[in-house]
Amino acid sequence: MDEGCLGCRRSVELAEHVRRRFPGVNVHVIYTGEPGGRYAHLVPATPTFILNGRRMSLGNPSPAELEEAIQSALEGAGE
């Protein structure tokens, strides 16, 4: 998240949506201004969504797209 980011407020709302919908999933909001960012190399712009260490979306996905990607990742982890 970046202070100058117009879409970041929506990103935080989507993160909260995921926390409610998938309580077993770890959700982290990363602030780009903090030094030593773990995923800085994956974030060319904000907002960026990362799922399982890979860039999932540059920009805010729809709640349905986000849920589908998470569900697919969860199903893939069970294989």
PDB file of N, CA and C in Angstrom:
ATOM      1  N   MET A   1       0.845  -1.164   0.000  1.00  0.00           N
ATOM      2  CA  MET A   1       0.000   0.000   0.000  1.00  0.00           C
ATOM      3  C   MET A   1       0.890   1.226   0.000  1.00  0.00           C
ATOM      4  N   ASP A   2       0.466   2.223  -0.711  1.00  0.00           N
ATOM      5  CA  ASP A   2       1.220   3.464  -0.864  1.00  0.00           C
ATOM      6  C   ASP A   2       0.293   4.617  -0.501  1.00  0.00           C
ATOM      7  N   GLU A   3       0.811   5.589   0.233  1.00  0.00           N
ATOM      8  CA  GLU A   3      -0.029   6.709   0.664  1.00  0.00           C
ATOM      9  C   GLU A   3      -0.674   7.448  -0.496  1.00  0.00           C
ATOM     10  N   GLY A   4      -0.014   7.534  -1.638  1.00  0.00           N
ATOM     11  CA  GLY A   4      -0.559   8.246  -2.777  1.00  0.00           C
ATOM     12  C   GLY A   4      -1.445   7.390  -3.668  1.00  0.00           C
ATOM     13  N   CYS A   5      -1.698   6.171  -3.281  1.00  0.00           N
ATOM     14  CA  CYS A   5      -2.439   5.208  -4.093  1.00  0.00           C
ATOM     15  C   CYS A   5      -3.950   5.426  -3.968  1.00  0.00           C
ATOM     16  N   LEU A   6      -4.581   5.726  -5.092  1.00  0.00           N
ATOM     17  CA  LEU A   6      -6.029   5.959  -5.080  1.00  0.00           C
ATOM     18  C   LEU A   6      -6.829   4.679  -4.868  1.00  0.00           C
ATOM     19  N   GLY A   7      -6.333   3.548  -5.322  1.00  0.00           N
ATOM     20  CA  GLY A   7      -7.068   2.293  -5.198  1.00  0.00           C
ATOM     21  C   GLY A   7      -6.748   1.501  -3.945  1.00  0.00           C
ATOM     22  N   CYS A   8      -5.831   2.001  -3.123  1.00  0.00           N
ATOM     23  CA  CYS A   8      -5.398   1.211  -1.970  1.00  0.00           C
ATOM     24  C   CYS A   8      -6.460   1.064  -0.885  1.00  0.00           C
ATOM     25  N   ARG A   9      -7.320   2.058  -0.740  1.00  0.00           N
ATOM     26  CA  ARG A   9      -8.392   1.922   0.250  1.00  0.00           C
ATOM     27  C   ARG A   9      -9.265   0.719  -0.111  1.00  0.00           C
ATOM     28  N   ARG A  10      -9.564   0.580  -1.407  1.00  0.00           N
ATOM     29  CA  ARG A  10     -10.347  -0.573  -1.866  1.00  0.00           C
ATOM     30  C   ARG A  10      -9.576  -1.859  -1.626  1.00  0.00           C
ATOM     31  N   SER A  11      -8.260  -1.833  -1.783  1.00  0.00           N
ATOM     32  CA  SER A  11      -7.441  -3.017  -1.543  1.00  0.00           C
ATOM     33  C   SER A  11      -7.567  -3.494  -0.104  1.00  0.00           C
ATOM     34  N   VAL A  12      -7.560  -2.547   0.821  1.00  0.00           N
ATOM     35  CA  VAL A  12      -7.706  -2.894   2.237  1.00  0.00           C
ATOM     36  C   VAL A  12      -9.093  -3.492   2.476  1.00  0.00           C
ATOM     37  N   GLU A  13     -10.117  -2.944   1.832  1.00  0.00           N
ATOM     38  CA  GLU A  13     -11.470  -3.508   1.948  1.00  0.00           C
ATOM     39  C   GLU A  13     -11.496  -4.940   1.411  1.00  0.00           C
ATOM     40  N   LEU A  14     -10.824  -5.177   0.282  1.00  0.00           N
ATOM     41  CA  LEU A  14     -10.765  -6.526  -0.284  1.00  0.00           C
ATOM     42  C   LEU A  14     -10.009  -7.474   0.646  1.00  0.00           C
ATOM     43  N   ALA A  15      -8.952  -6.994   1.278  1.00  0.00           N
ATOM     44  CA  ALA A  15      -8.215  -7.825   2.239  1.00  0.00           C
ATOM     45  C   ALA A  15      -9.126  -8.240   3.388  1.00  0.00           C
ATOM     46  N   GLU A  16      -9.923  -7.310   3.884  1.00  0.00           N
ATOM     47  CA  GLU A  16     -10.868  -7.635   4.961  1.00  0.00           C
ATOM     48  C   GLU A  16     -11.925  -8.631   4.480  1.00  0.00           C
ATOM     49  N   HIS A  17     -12.377  -8.471   3.257  1.00  0.00           N
ATOM     50  CA  HIS A  17     -13.335  -9.408   2.668  1.00  0.00           C
ATOM     51  C   HIS A  17     -12.750 -10.818   2.656  1.00  0.00           C
ATOM     52  N   VAL A  18     -11.496 -10.938   2.246  1.00  0.00           N
ATOM     53  CA  VAL A  18     -10.838 -12.255   2.196  1.00  0.00           C
ATOM     54  C   VAL A  18     -10.697 -12.822   3.603  1.00  0.00           C
ATOM     55  N   ARG A  19     -10.350 -11.996   4.561  1.00  0.00           N
ATOM     56  CA  ARG A  19     -10.219 -12.475   5.951  1.00  0.00           C
ATOM     57  C   ARG A  19     -11.536 -13.052   6.461  1.00  0.00           C
ATOM     58  N   ARG A  20     -12.639 -12.403   6.100  1.00  0.00           N
ATOM     59  CA  ARG A  20     -13.952 -12.908   6.540  1.00  0.00           C
ATOM     60  C   ARG A  20     -14.351 -14.163   5.775  1.00  0.00           C
ATOM     61  N   ARG A  21     -14.134 -14.169   4.472  1.00  0.00           N
ATOM     62  CA  ARG A  21     -14.577 -15.272   3.607  1.00  0.00           C
ATOM     63  C   ARG A  21     -13.715 -16.521   3.756  1.00  0.00           C
ATOM     64  N   PHE A  22     -12.411 -16.321   3.997  1.00  0.00           N
ATOM     65  CA  PHE A  22     -11.457 -17.422   4.118  1.00  0.00           C
ATOM     66  C   PHE A  22     -10.654 -17.244   5.407  1.00  0.00           C
ATOM     67  N   PRO A  23     -11.251 -17.550   6.564  1.00  0.00           N
ATOM     68  CA  PRO A  23     -10.577 -17.274   7.834  1.00  0.00           C
ATOM     69  C   PRO A  23      -9.249 -18.013   8.020  1.00  0.00           C
ATOM     70  N   GLY A  24      -9.011 -19.094   7.301  1.00  0.00           N
ATOM     71  CA  GLY A  24      -7.753 -19.829   7.437  1.00  0.00           C
ATOM     72  C   GLY A  24      -6.632 -19.311   6.562  1.00  0.00           C
ATOM     73  N   VAL A  25      -6.907 -18.297   5.752  1.00  0.00           N
ATOM     74  CA  VAL A  25      -5.912 -17.756   4.827  1.00  0.00           C
ATOM     75  C   VAL A  25      -5.200 -16.571   5.480  1.00  0.00           C
ATOM     76  N   ASN A  26      -3.869 -16.564   5.400  1.00  0.00           N
ATOM     77  CA  ASN A  26      -3.087 -15.431   5.917  1.00  0.00           C
ATOM     78  C   ASN A  26      -3.165 -14.284   4.926  1.00  0.00           C
ATOM     79  N   VAL A  27      -3.575 -13.134   5.400  1.00  0.00           N
ATOM     80  CA  VAL A  27      -3.697 -11.936   4.570  1.00  0.00           C
ATOM     81  C   VAL A  27      -2.799 -10.859   5.166  1.00  0.00           C
ATOM     82  N   HIS A  28      -1.957 -10.272   4.330  1.00  0.00           N
ATOM     83  CA  HIS A  28      -1.065  -9.209   4.781  1.00  0.00           C
ATOM     84  C   HIS A  28      -1.219  -8.011   3.853  1.00  0.00           C
ATOM     85  N   VAL A  29      -1.359  -6.833   4.424  1.00  0.00           N
ATOM     86  CA  VAL A  29      -1.319  -5.596   3.662  1.00  0.00           C
ATOM     87  C   VAL A  29       0.100  -5.078   3.819  1.00  0.00           C
ATOM     88  N   ILE A  30       0.773  -4.904   2.696  1.00  0.00           N
ATOM     89  CA  ILE A  30       2.170  -4.479   2.710  1.00  0.00           C
ATOM     90  C   ILE A  30       2.236  -3.002   2.356  1.00  0.00           C
ATOM     91  N   TYR A  31       2.914  -2.251   3.176  1.00  0.00           N
ATOM     92  CA  TYR A  31       3.079  -0.822   2.955  1.00  0.00           C
ATOM     93  C   TYR A  31       4.411  -0.599   2.243  1.00  0.00           C
ATOM     94  N   THR A  32       4.364  -0.044   1.051  1.00  0.00           N
ATOM     95  CA  THR A  32       5.553   0.088   0.226  1.00  0.00           C
ATOM     96  C   THR A  32       6.583   1.048   0.804  1.00  0.00           C
ATOM     97  N   GLY A  33       6.196   1.911   1.691  1.00  0.00           N
ATOM     98  CA  GLY A  33       7.126   2.863   2.284  1.00  0.00           C
ATOM     99  C   GLY A  33       7.999   2.265   3.373  1.00  0.00           C
ATOM    100  N   GLU A  34       7.682   1.052   3.817  1.00  0.00           N
ATOM    101  CA  GLU A  34       8.466   0.416   4.866  1.00  0.00           C
ATOM    102  C   GLU A  34       9.704  -0.235   4.258  1.00  0.00           C
ATOM    103  N   PRO A  35      10.872  -0.025   4.879  1.00  0.00           N
ATOM    104  CA  PRO A  35      12.099  -0.615   4.338  1.00  0.00           C
ATOM    105  C   PRO A  35      12.096  -2.143   4.467  1.00  0.00           C
ATOM    106  N   GLY A  36      12.814  -2.791   3.558  1.00  0.00           N
ATOM    107  CA  GLY A  36      12.964  -4.243   3.619  1.00  0.00           C
ATOM    108  C   GLY A  36      11.718  -5.002   3.248  1.00  0.00           C
ATOM    109  N   GLY A  37      10.906  -4.459   2.357  1.00  0.00           N
ATOM    110  CA  GLY A  37       9.665  -5.114   1.963  1.00  0.00           C
ATOM    111  C   GLY A  37       9.905  -6.487   1.360  1.00  0.00           C
ATOM    112  N   ARG A  38       9.218  -7.470   1.882  1.00  0.00           N
ATOM    113  CA  ARG A  38       9.398  -8.858   1.473  1.00  0.00           C
ATOM    114  C   ARG A  38       9.056  -9.091   0.008  1.00  0.00           C
ATOM    115  N   TYR A  39       8.048  -8.408  -0.496  1.00  0.00           N
ATOM    116  CA  TYR A  39       7.600  -8.637  -1.864  1.00  0.00           C
ATOM    117  C   TYR A  39       7.863  -7.442  -2.769  1.00  0.00           C
ATOM    118  N   ALA A  40       8.764  -6.569  -2.387  1.00  0.00           N
ATOM    119  CA  ALA A  40       9.004  -5.337  -3.147  1.00  0.00           C
ATOM    120  C   ALA A  40       9.306  -5.628  -4.616  1.00  0.00           C
ATOM    121  N   HIS A  41       9.996  -6.719  -4.901  1.00  0.00           N
ATOM    122  CA  HIS A  41      10.342  -7.057  -6.289  1.00  0.00           C
ATOM    123  C   HIS A  41       9.126  -7.450  -7.122  1.00  0.00           C
ATOM    124  N   LEU A  42       8.003  -7.749  -6.490  1.00  0.00           N
ATOM    125  CA  LEU A  42       6.781  -8.132  -7.200  1.00  0.00           C
ATOM    126  C   LEU A  42       5.790  -6.984  -7.346  1.00  0.00           C
ATOM    127  N   VAL A  43       6.123  -5.836  -6.783  1.00  0.00           N
ATOM    128  CA  VAL A  43       5.180  -4.722  -6.743  1.00  0.00           C
ATOM    129  C   VAL A  43       5.694  -3.562  -7.597  1.00  0.00           C
ATOM    130  N   PRO A  44       5.347  -3.559  -8.900  1.00  0.00           N
ATOM    131  CA  PRO A  44       5.783  -2.468  -9.763  1.00  0.00           C
ATOM    132  C   PRO A  44       4.927  -1.209  -9.574  1.00  0.00           C
ATOM    133  N   ALA A  45       3.735  -1.385  -9.034  1.00  0.00           N
ATOM    134  CA  ALA A  45       2.803  -0.278  -8.807  1.00  0.00           C
ATOM    135  C   ALA A  45       1.798  -0.729  -7.754  1.00  0.00           C
ATOM    136  N   THR A  46       1.076   0.220  -7.204  1.00  0.00           N
ATOM    137  CA  THR A  46       0.060  -0.137  -6.223  1.00  0.00           C
ATOM    138  C   THR A  46      -1.314   0.227  -6.757  1.00  0.00           C
ATOM    139  N   PRO A  47      -2.287  -0.577  -6.420  1.00  0.00           N
ATOM    140  CA  PRO A  47      -2.235  -1.799  -5.633  1.00  0.00           C
ATOM    141  C   PRO A  47      -1.795  -3.001  -6.478  1.00  0.00           C
ATOM    142  N   THR A  48      -1.165  -3.931  -5.805  1.00  0.00           N
ATOM    143  CA  THR A  48      -0.767  -5.211  -6.400  1.00  0.00           C
ATOM    144  C   THR A  48      -1.202  -6.301  -5.441  1.00  0.00           C
ATOM    145  N   PHE A  49      -1.758  -7.359  -5.957  1.00  0.00           N
ATOM    146  CA  PHE A  49      -2.160  -8.501  -5.145  1.00  0.00           C
ATOM    147  C   PHE A  49      -1.207  -9.652  -5.422  1.00  0.00           C
ATOM    148  N   ILE A  50      -0.690 -10.252  -4.343  1.00  0.00           N
ATOM    149  CA  ILE A  50       0.234 -11.371  -4.445  1.00  0.00           C
ATOM    150  C   ILE A  50      -0.425 -12.563  -3.767  1.00  0.00           C
ATOM    151  N   LEU A  51      -0.389 -13.698  -4.445  1.00  0.00           N
ATOM    152  CA  LEU A  51      -0.973 -14.922  -3.908  1.00  0.00           C
ATOM    153  C   LEU A  51       0.078 -16.017  -4.002  1.00  0.00           C
ATOM    154  N   ASN A  52       0.416 -16.591  -2.868  1.00  0.00           N
ATOM    155  CA  ASN A  52       1.431 -17.649  -2.807  1.00  0.00           C
ATOM    156  C   ASN A  52       2.756 -17.208  -3.419  1.00  0.00           C
ATOM    157  N   GLY A  53       3.164 -15.970  -3.143  1.00  0.00           N
ATOM    158  CA  GLY A  53       4.451 -15.475  -3.590  1.00  0.00           C
ATOM    159  C   GLY A  53       4.529 -15.073  -5.048  1.00  0.00           C
ATOM    160  N   ARG A  54       3.389 -15.044  -5.737  1.00  0.00           N
ATOM    161  CA  ARG A  54       3.366 -14.670  -7.153  1.00  0.00           C
ATOM    162  C   ARG A  54       2.345 -13.553  -7.359  1.00  0.00           C
ATOM    163  N   ARG A  55       2.662 -12.659  -8.275  1.00  0.00           N
ATOM    164  CA  ARG A  55       1.739 -11.569  -8.560  1.00  0.00           C
ATOM    165  C   ARG A  55       0.463 -12.130  -9.175  1.00  0.00           C
ATOM    166  N   MET A  56      -0.650 -11.846  -8.532  1.00  0.00           N
ATOM    167  CA  MET A  56      -1.950 -12.320  -8.997  1.00  0.00           C
ATOM    168  C   MET A  56      -2.658 -11.244  -9.801  1.00  0.00           C
ATOM    169  N   SER A  57      -2.503  -9.988  -9.369  1.00  0.00           N
ATOM    170  CA  SER A  57      -3.234  -8.903 -10.010  1.00  0.00           C
ATOM    171  C   SER A  57      -2.501  -7.586  -9.812  1.00  0.00           C
ATOM    172  N   LEU A  58      -2.373  -6.868 -10.887  1.00  0.00           N
ATOM    173  CA  LEU A  58      -1.880  -5.497 -10.816  1.00  0.00           C
ATOM    174  C   LEU A  58      -3.129  -4.629 -10.909  1.00  0.00           C
ATOM    175  N   GLY A  59      -3.481  -4.007  -9.809  1.00  0.00           N
ATOM    176  CA  GLY A  59      -4.766  -3.329  -9.693  1.00  0.00           C
ATOM    177  C   GLY A  59      -5.704  -4.204  -8.876  1.00  0.00           C
ATOM    178  N   ASN A  60      -6.828  -3.640  -8.505  1.00  0.00           N
ATOM    179  CA  ASN A  60      -7.790  -4.378  -7.682  1.00  0.00           C
ATOM    180  C   ASN A  60      -8.602  -5.346  -8.533  1.00  0.00           C
ATOM    181  N   PRO A  61      -8.577  -6.629  -8.158  1.00  0.00           N
ATOM    182  CA  PRO A  61      -9.467  -7.571  -8.832  1.00  0.00           C
ATOM    183  C   PRO A  61     -10.877  -7.401  -8.268  1.00  0.00           C
ATOM    184  N   SER A  62     -11.841  -7.977  -8.941  1.00  0.00           N
ATOM    185  CA  SER A  62     -13.193  -7.985  -8.372  1.00  0.00           C
ATOM    186  C   SER A  62     -13.197  -8.986  -7.219  1.00  0.00           C
ATOM    187  N   PRO A  63     -14.132  -8.856  -6.286  1.00  0.00           N
ATOM    188  CA  PRO A  63     -14.217  -9.849  -5.217  1.00  0.00           C
ATOM    189  C   PRO A  63     -14.350 -11.274  -5.767  1.00  0.00           C
ATOM    190  N   ALA A  64     -15.119 -11.446  -6.847  1.00  0.00           N
ATOM    191  CA  ALA A  64     -15.297 -12.779  -7.434  1.00  0.00           C
ATOM    192  C   ALA A  64     -13.981 -13.321  -7.989  1.00  0.00           C
ATOM    193  N   GLU A  65     -13.207 -12.477  -8.685  1.00  0.00           N
ATOM    194  CA  GLU A  65     -11.909 -12.915  -9.218  1.00  0.00           C
ATOM    195  C   GLU A  65     -10.965 -13.294  -8.089  1.00  0.00           C
ATOM    196  N   LEU A  66     -10.964 -12.509  -7.039  1.00  0.00           N
ATOM    197  CA  LEU A  66     -10.100 -12.767  -5.902  1.00  0.00           C
ATOM    198  C   LEU A  66     -10.490 -14.071  -5.212  1.00  0.00           C
ATOM    199  N   GLU A  67     -11.777 -14.263  -4.987  1.00  0.00           N
ATOM    200  CA  GLU A  67     -12.247 -15.498  -4.359  1.00  0.00           C
ATOM    201  C   GLU A  67     -11.912 -16.714  -5.214  1.00  0.00           C
ATOM    202  N   GLU A  68     -12.092 -16.601  -6.528  1.00  0.00           N
ATOM    203  CA  GLU A  68     -11.795 -17.719  -7.423  1.00  0.00           C
ATOM    204  C   GLU A  68     -10.308 -18.081  -7.375  1.00  0.00           C
ATOM    205  N   ALA A  69      -9.445 -17.081  -7.382  1.00  0.00           N
ATOM    206  CA  ALA A  69      -8.007 -17.338  -7.334  1.00  0.00           C
ATOM    207  C   ALA A  69      -7.615 -17.998  -6.010  1.00  0.00           C
ATOM    208  N   ILE A  70      -8.185 -17.531  -4.917  1.00  0.00           N
ATOM    209  CA  ILE A  70      -7.877 -18.112  -3.609  1.00  0.00           C
ATOM    210  C   ILE A  70      -8.407 -19.530  -3.525  1.00  0.00           C
ATOM    211  N   GLN A  71      -9.632 -19.733  -3.983  1.00  0.00           N
ATOM    212  CA  GLN A  71     -10.212 -21.084  -3.958  1.00  0.00           C
ATOM    213  C   GLN A  71      -9.369 -22.048  -4.789  1.00  0.00           C
ATOM    214  N   SER A  72      -8.918 -21.622  -5.959  1.00  0.00           N
ATOM    215  CA  SER A  72      -8.069 -22.468  -6.797  1.00  0.00           C
ATOM    216  C   SER A  72      -6.762 -22.797  -6.101  1.00  0.00           C
ATOM    217  N   ALA A  73      -6.170 -21.800  -5.435  1.00  0.00           N
ATOM    218  CA  ALA A  73      -4.931 -22.023  -4.710  1.00  0.00           C
ATOM    219  C   ALA A  73      -5.132 -23.000  -3.560  1.00  0.00           C
ATOM    220  N   LEU A  74      -6.248 -22.864  -2.861  1.00  0.00           N
ATOM    221  CA  LEU A  74      -6.536 -23.784  -1.758  1.00  0.00           C
ATOM    222  C   LEU A  74      -6.758 -25.200  -2.263  1.00  0.00           C
ATOM    223  N   GLU A  75      -7.461 -25.340  -3.356  1.00  0.00           N
ATOM    224  CA  GLU A  75      -7.692 -26.669  -3.933  1.00  0.00           C
ATOM    225  C   GLU A  75      -6.389 -27.275  -4.433  1.00  0.00           C
ATOM    226  N   GLY A  76      -5.519 -26.448  -5.023  1.00  0.00           N
ATOM    227  CA  GLY A  76      -4.227 -26.918  -5.498  1.00  0.00           C
ATOM    228  C   GLY A  76      -3.310 -27.341  -4.371  1.00  0.00           C
ATOM    229  N   ALA A  77      -3.445 -26.691  -3.213  1.00  0.00           N
ATOM    230  CA  ALA A  77      -2.600 -27.020  -2.050  1.00  0.00           C
ATOM    231  C   ALA A  77      -2.994 -28.361  -1.458  1.00  0.00           C
ATOM    232  N   GLY A  78      -4.237 -28.759  -1.691  1.00  0.00           N
ATOM    233  CA  GLY A  78      -4.713 -30.032  -1.141  1.00  0.00           C
ATOM    234  C   GLY A  78      -4.327 -31.242  -1.974  1.00  0.00           C
ATOM    235  N   GLU A  79      -3.774 -31.008  -3.151  1.00  0.00           N
ATOM    236  CA  GLU A  79      -3.415 -32.131  -4.035  1.00  0.00           C
ATOM    237  C   GLU A  79      -2.118 -32.757  -3.633  1.00  0.00           C
TER     238      GLU A  79
END
